[in-house]
Amino acid sequence: MRQVILLGLVLVLVGCGGRPAPERVSVTRLASGPINAACLGSDRRARSRELCGCIQAVANTRLSRSDQRLAASFYQDPQKAQDIRQSDRASDESFWQRYRAYAESAERICG
């Protein structure tokens, strides 16, 4: 009987692992920072401590602190994001490329 239980436990443990993570990023779902604060302060229905913390954790690996502050400002002023996206300034175009890569990663990891 003991062997059957042990075999069952081994099979359960084997079944739990083996799949590679979608990305090799360690995400702390309670990270704090400007994006987390803006997310929690927003009126979006889907916000939660876990989701906002995850989004912040991804930002910590993908964006500089100044990029994070700029991205956080989009929560209060969505038009600002649109203006930067359509801007012809090289710095805005560079930021937007970093921001899109971050957003895609956050969606994959936190979504």
C-alpha atoms as a PDB file:
ATOM      1  CA  MET A   1       0.000   0.000   0.000  1.00  0.00           C
ATOM      2  CA  ARG A   2       2.824   2.335   0.917  1.00  0.00           C
ATOM      3  CA  GLN A   3       4.474   1.781  -2.468  1.00  0.00           C
ATOM      4  CA  VAL A   4       1.238   2.620  -4.303  1.00  0.00           C
ATOM      5  CA  ILE A   5       0.922   5.911  -2.399  1.00  0.00           C
ATOM      6  CA  LEU A   6       4.578   6.760  -3.066  1.00  0.00           C
ATOM      7  CA  LEU A   7       4.171   5.947  -6.766  1.00  0.00           C
ATOM      8  CA  GLY A   8       1.052   8.135  -6.891  1.00  0.00           C
ATOM      9  CA  LEU A   9       2.943  11.050  -5.305  1.00  0.00           C
ATOM     10  CA  VAL A  10       5.825  10.658  -7.738  1.00  0.00           C
ATOM     11  CA  LEU A  11       3.429  10.681 -10.687  1.00  0.00           C
ATOM     12  CA  VAL A  12       1.717  13.825  -9.391  1.00  0.00           C
ATOM     13  CA  LEU A  13       5.054  15.597  -8.947  1.00  0.00           C
ATOM     14  CA  VAL A  14       6.262  14.549 -12.399  1.00  0.00           C
ATOM     15  CA  GLY A  15       3.028  15.817 -13.923  1.00  0.00           C
ATOM     16  CA  CYS A  16       3.510  19.246 -12.332  1.00  0.00           C
ATOM     17  CA  GLY A  17       6.786  20.110 -13.996  1.00  0.00           C
ATOM     18  CA  GLY A  18       8.561  19.840 -17.248  1.00  0.00           C
ATOM     19  CA  ARG A  19       7.115  22.756 -19.149  1.00  0.00           C
ATOM     20  CA  PRO A  20       9.460  25.632 -19.890  1.00  0.00           C
ATOM     21  CA  ALA A  21       8.418  29.055 -18.691  1.00  0.00           C
ATOM     22  CA  PRO A  22       7.186  31.378 -21.458  1.00  0.00           C
ATOM     23  CA  GLU A  23      10.117  33.662 -20.685  1.00  0.00           C
ATOM     24  CA  ARG A  24      13.133  33.394 -18.452  1.00  0.00           C
ATOM     25  CA  VAL A  25      12.061  36.224 -16.169  1.00  0.00           C
ATOM     26  CA  SER A  26      11.628  35.874 -12.458  1.00  0.00           C
ATOM     27  CA  VAL A  27       8.533  37.860 -11.580  1.00  0.00           C
ATOM     28  CA  THR A  28       7.677  38.990  -8.092  1.00  0.00           C
ATOM     29  CA  ARG A  29       3.988  39.687  -8.237  1.00  0.00           C
ATOM     30  CA  LEU A  30       4.145  42.289  -5.477  1.00  0.00           C
ATOM     31  CA  ALA A  31       6.791  44.611  -6.912  1.00  0.00           C
ATOM     32  CA  SER A  32       6.365  48.295  -6.163  1.00  0.00           C
ATOM     33  CA  GLY A  33       7.199  51.307  -8.283  1.00  0.00           C
ATOM     34  CA  PRO A  34       5.609  54.027 -10.391  1.00  0.00           C
ATOM     35  CA  ILE A  35       3.705  51.702 -12.718  1.00  0.00           C
ATOM     36  CA  ASN A  36       2.338  49.657  -9.814  1.00  0.00           C
ATOM     37  CA  ALA A  37       1.143  52.825  -8.068  1.00  0.00           C
ATOM     38  CA  ALA A  38      -0.462  54.207 -11.235  1.00  0.00           C
ATOM     39  CA  CYS A  39      -2.103  50.862 -11.986  1.00  0.00           C
ATOM     40  CA  LEU A  40      -3.550  50.530  -8.478  1.00  0.00           C
ATOM     41  CA  GLY A  41      -4.749  54.137  -8.599  1.00  0.00           C
ATOM     42  CA  SER A  42      -6.489  53.670 -11.924  1.00  0.00           C
ATOM     43  CA  ASP A  43     -10.185  53.042 -12.420  1.00  0.00           C
ATOM     44  CA  ARG A  44      -9.632  49.920 -14.536  1.00  0.00           C
ATOM     45  CA  ARG A  45     -11.828  46.987 -13.504  1.00  0.00           C
ATOM     46  CA  ALA A  46      -9.114  44.356 -14.007  1.00  0.00           C
ATOM     47  CA  ARG A  47      -6.639  45.957 -11.597  1.00  0.00           C
ATOM     48  CA  SER A  48      -5.455  43.967  -8.603  1.00  0.00           C
ATOM     49  CA  ARG A  49      -2.407  43.966  -6.362  1.00  0.00           C
ATOM     50  CA  GLU A  50      -1.132  40.847  -8.089  1.00  0.00           C
ATOM     51  CA  LEU A  51      -1.622  42.118 -11.643  1.00  0.00           C
ATOM     52  CA  CYS A  52      -0.242  45.602 -10.966  1.00  0.00           C
ATOM     53  CA  GLY A  53       2.721  44.112  -9.086  1.00  0.00           C
ATOM     54  CA  CYS A  54       3.426  41.734 -11.946  1.00  0.00           C
ATOM     55  CA  ILE A  55       3.282  44.531 -14.504  1.00  0.00           C
ATOM     56  CA  GLN A  56       5.711  46.530 -12.340  1.00  0.00           C
ATOM     57  CA  ALA A  57       8.040  43.545 -11.991  1.00  0.00           C
ATOM     58  CA  VAL A  58       8.228  43.185 -15.770  1.00  0.00           C
ATOM     59  CA  ALA A  59       8.843  46.947 -16.068  1.00  0.00           C
ATOM     60  CA  ASN A  60      11.739  46.578 -13.621  1.00  0.00           C
ATOM     61  CA  THR A  61      13.408  44.179 -16.061  1.00  0.00           C
ATOM     62  CA  ARG A  62      12.549  46.035 -19.273  1.00  0.00           C
ATOM     63  CA  LEU A  63      12.393  49.786 -18.611  1.00  0.00           C
ATOM     64  CA  SER A  64      14.606  52.368 -16.967  1.00  0.00           C
ATOM     65  CA  ARG A  65      13.177  54.315 -14.025  1.00  0.00           C
ATOM     66  CA  SER A  66      12.580  57.357 -16.250  1.00  0.00           C
ATOM     67  CA  ASP A  67      10.811  55.149 -18.832  1.00  0.00           C
ATOM     68  CA  GLN A  68       8.697  53.722 -16.004  1.00  0.00           C
ATOM     69  CA  ARG A  69       7.671  57.191 -14.827  1.00  0.00           C
ATOM     70  CA  LEU A  70       6.696  58.148 -18.372  1.00  0.00           C
ATOM     71  CA  ALA A  71       4.744  54.906 -18.866  1.00  0.00           C
ATOM     72  CA  ALA A  72       2.997  55.409 -15.514  1.00  0.00           C
ATOM     73  CA  SER A  73       1.794  58.821 -16.667  1.00  0.00           C
ATOM     74  CA  PHE A  74      -0.244  57.100 -19.408  1.00  0.00           C
ATOM     75  CA  TYR A  75      -2.691  55.844 -16.778  1.00  0.00           C
ATOM     76  CA  GLN A  76      -3.749  59.424 -16.027  1.00  0.00           C
ATOM     77  CA  ASP A  77      -3.307  60.790 -19.538  1.00  0.00           C
ATOM     78  CA  PRO A  78      -3.882  58.194 -22.293  1.00  0.00           C
ATOM     79  CA  GLN A  79      -3.585  60.941 -24.921  1.00  0.00           C
ATOM     80  CA  LYS A  80       0.063  61.361 -23.900  1.00  0.00           C
ATOM     81  CA  ALA A  81       0.748  57.783 -25.005  1.00  0.00           C
ATOM     82  CA  GLN A  82      -0.893  58.486 -28.353  1.00  0.00           C
ATOM     83  CA  ASP A  83       1.132  61.689 -28.793  1.00  0.00           C
ATOM     84  CA  ILE A  84       4.408  59.894 -28.088  1.00  0.00           C
ATOM     85  CA  ARG A  85       3.480  56.999 -30.368  1.00  0.00           C
ATOM     86  CA  GLN A  86       2.814  59.391 -33.260  1.00  0.00           C
ATOM     87  CA  SER A  87       5.751  61.696 -32.552  1.00  0.00           C
ATOM     88  CA  ASP A  88       8.563  62.113 -35.079  1.00  0.00           C
ATOM     89  CA  ARG A  89      11.176  62.779 -32.379  1.00  0.00           C
ATOM     90  CA  ALA A  90      13.888  60.125 -32.294  1.00  0.00           C
ATOM     91  CA  SER A  91      13.754  59.917 -28.488  1.00  0.00           C
ATOM     92  CA  ASP A  92       9.995  59.304 -28.564  1.00  0.00           C
ATOM     93  CA  GLU A  93      10.358  56.639 -31.241  1.00  0.00           C
ATOM     94  CA  SER A  94      13.085  54.933 -29.224  1.00  0.00           C
ATOM     95  CA  PHE A  95      10.954  55.034 -26.062  1.00  0.00           C
ATOM     96  CA  TRP A  96       7.950  53.665 -27.927  1.00  0.00           C
ATOM     97  CA  GLN A  97       9.951  50.667 -29.178  1.00  0.00           C
ATOM     98  CA  ARG A  98      11.073  49.899 -25.613  1.00  0.00           C
ATOM     99  CA  TYR A  99       7.552  50.435 -24.306  1.00  0.00           C
ATOM    100  CA  ARG A 100       5.998  48.076 -26.890  1.00  0.00           C
ATOM    101  CA  ALA A 101       8.533  45.355 -26.073  1.00  0.00           C
ATOM    102  CA  TYR A 102       7.750  45.829 -22.381  1.00  0.00           C
ATOM    103  CA  ALA A 103       3.980  45.743 -22.970  1.00  0.00           C
ATOM    104  CA  GLU A 104       4.227  42.540 -25.013  1.00  0.00           C
ATOM    105  CA  SER A 105       6.318  40.891 -22.299  1.00  0.00           C
ATOM    106  CA  ALA A 106       3.945  42.038 -19.550  1.00  0.00           C
ATOM    107  CA  GLU A 107       0.976  40.661 -21.468  1.00  0.00           C
ATOM    108  CA  ARG A 108       2.692  37.284 -21.938  1.00  0.00           C
ATOM    109  CA  ILE A 109       3.923  37.014 -18.373  1.00  0.00           C
ATOM    110  CA  CYS A 110       1.077  38.620 -16.419  1.00  0.00           C
ATOM    111  CA  GLY A 111      -1.877  38.000 -18.708  1.00  0.00           C
END
